[in-house]
């Protein structure tokens, strides 16, 4: 199943937390939103929407 991981480049979590998740998922698209933190869907709702829509379109 395709998966999209959307995170913010200002997230306080260590990058290794996201790196390890992305490494174990077989069909993953990783999008990092500039200026967003731990809540990218709230901090950049349009960027989050675009990332999800792009992943959904690519999965067809």
C-alpha atoms as a PDB file:
ATOM      1  CA  UNK A   1       0.000   0.000   0.000  1.00  0.00           C
ATOM      2  CA  UNK A   2       1.455   3.403  -0.904  1.00  0.00           C
ATOM      3  CA  UNK A   3       2.146   5.677   2.058  1.00  0.00           C
ATOM      4  CA  UNK A   4       2.952   9.375   2.249  1.00  0.00           C
ATOM      5  CA  UNK A   5       4.935  10.717   5.202  1.00  0.00           C
ATOM      6  CA  UNK A   6       4.560  14.465   5.611  1.00  0.00           C
ATOM      7  CA  UNK A   7       6.710  16.234   8.153  1.00  0.00           C
ATOM      8  CA  UNK A   8       8.012  19.704   8.841  1.00  0.00           C
ATOM      9  CA  UNK A   9      11.632  20.737   8.642  1.00  0.00           C
ATOM     10  CA  UNK A  10      11.249  22.555  11.986  1.00  0.00           C
ATOM     11  CA  UNK A  11       9.963  19.444  13.808  1.00  0.00           C
ATOM     12  CA  UNK A  12      11.574  19.002  17.208  1.00  0.00           C
ATOM     13  CA  UNK A  13      11.756  15.219  16.811  1.00  0.00           C
ATOM     14  CA  UNK A  14      15.139  13.853  15.778  1.00  0.00           C
ATOM     15  CA  UNK A  15      15.395  13.348  12.001  1.00  0.00           C
ATOM     16  CA  UNK A  16      16.279   9.720  12.706  1.00  0.00           C
ATOM     17  CA  UNK A  17      12.685   9.139  13.870  1.00  0.00           C
ATOM     18  CA  UNK A  18      11.352   9.925  10.409  1.00  0.00           C
ATOM     19  CA  UNK A  19      14.315   8.351   8.596  1.00  0.00           C
ATOM     20  CA  UNK A  20      13.724   5.006  10.315  1.00  0.00           C
ATOM     21  CA  UNK A  21      10.021   5.045   9.432  1.00  0.00           C
ATOM     22  CA  UNK A  22      10.700   5.851   5.792  1.00  0.00           C
ATOM     23  CA  UNK A  23      13.336   3.088   5.549  1.00  0.00           C
ATOM     24  CA  UNK A  24      10.942   0.312   6.590  1.00  0.00           C
ATOM     25  CA  UNK A  25       7.998   1.277   4.383  1.00  0.00           C
ATOM     26  CA  UNK A  26       8.171  -0.357   0.943  1.00  0.00           C
ATOM     27  CA  UNK A  27       6.111   2.199  -1.037  1.00  0.00           C
ATOM     28  CA  UNK A  28       6.703   5.532   0.633  1.00  0.00           C
ATOM     29  CA  UNK A  29       6.753   9.115  -0.551  1.00  0.00           C
ATOM     30  CA  UNK A  30       8.358  11.542   1.915  1.00  0.00           C
ATOM     31  CA  UNK A  31       7.480  15.214   1.806  1.00  0.00           C
ATOM     32  CA  UNK A  32       9.068  17.753   4.146  1.00  0.00           C
ATOM     33  CA  UNK A  33       7.287  21.080   4.447  1.00  0.00           C
ATOM     34  CA  UNK A  34       9.560  24.090   4.885  1.00  0.00           C
ATOM     35  CA  UNK A  35       8.788  26.146   7.964  1.00  0.00           C
ATOM     36  CA  UNK A  36       6.413  23.592   9.491  1.00  0.00           C
ATOM     37  CA  UNK A  37       7.048  21.798  12.758  1.00  0.00           C
ATOM     38  CA  UNK A  38       5.531  18.734  14.440  1.00  0.00           C
ATOM     39  CA  UNK A  39       2.000  19.527  13.219  1.00  0.00           C
ATOM     40  CA  UNK A  40       2.431  20.174   9.492  1.00  0.00           C
ATOM     41  CA  UNK A  41      -1.287  19.679   8.762  1.00  0.00           C
ATOM     42  CA  UNK A  42      -2.099  22.572  11.125  1.00  0.00           C
ATOM     43  CA  UNK A  43       0.936  24.755  10.429  1.00  0.00           C
ATOM     44  CA  UNK A  44       0.806  24.490   6.619  1.00  0.00           C
ATOM     45  CA  UNK A  45      -2.615  23.078   5.703  1.00  0.00           C
ATOM     46  CA  UNK A  46      -2.274  23.940   2.022  1.00  0.00           C
ATOM     47  CA  UNK A  47       1.174  22.375   1.740  1.00  0.00           C
ATOM     48  CA  UNK A  48      -0.102  19.303   3.571  1.00  0.00           C
ATOM     49  CA  UNK A  49      -3.126  19.072   1.274  1.00  0.00           C
ATOM     50  CA  UNK A  50      -0.915  19.387  -1.803  1.00  0.00           C
ATOM     51  CA  UNK A  51       1.456  16.671  -0.551  1.00  0.00           C
ATOM     52  CA  UNK A  52      -1.416  14.254   0.116  1.00  0.00           C
ATOM     53  CA  UNK A  53      -3.133  15.028  -3.187  1.00  0.00           C
ATOM     54  CA  UNK A  54       0.115  14.542  -5.095  1.00  0.00           C
ATOM     55  CA  UNK A  55       0.630  11.160  -3.413  1.00  0.00           C
ATOM     56  CA  UNK A  56      -2.950  10.103  -4.150  1.00  0.00           C
ATOM     57  CA  UNK A  57      -2.649  11.104  -7.777  1.00  0.00           C
ATOM     58  CA  UNK A  58       0.672   9.249  -8.160  1.00  0.00           C
ATOM     59  CA  UNK A  59      -0.846   6.096  -6.593  1.00  0.00           C
ATOM     60  CA  UNK A  60      -3.413   5.704  -9.378  1.00  0.00           C
END
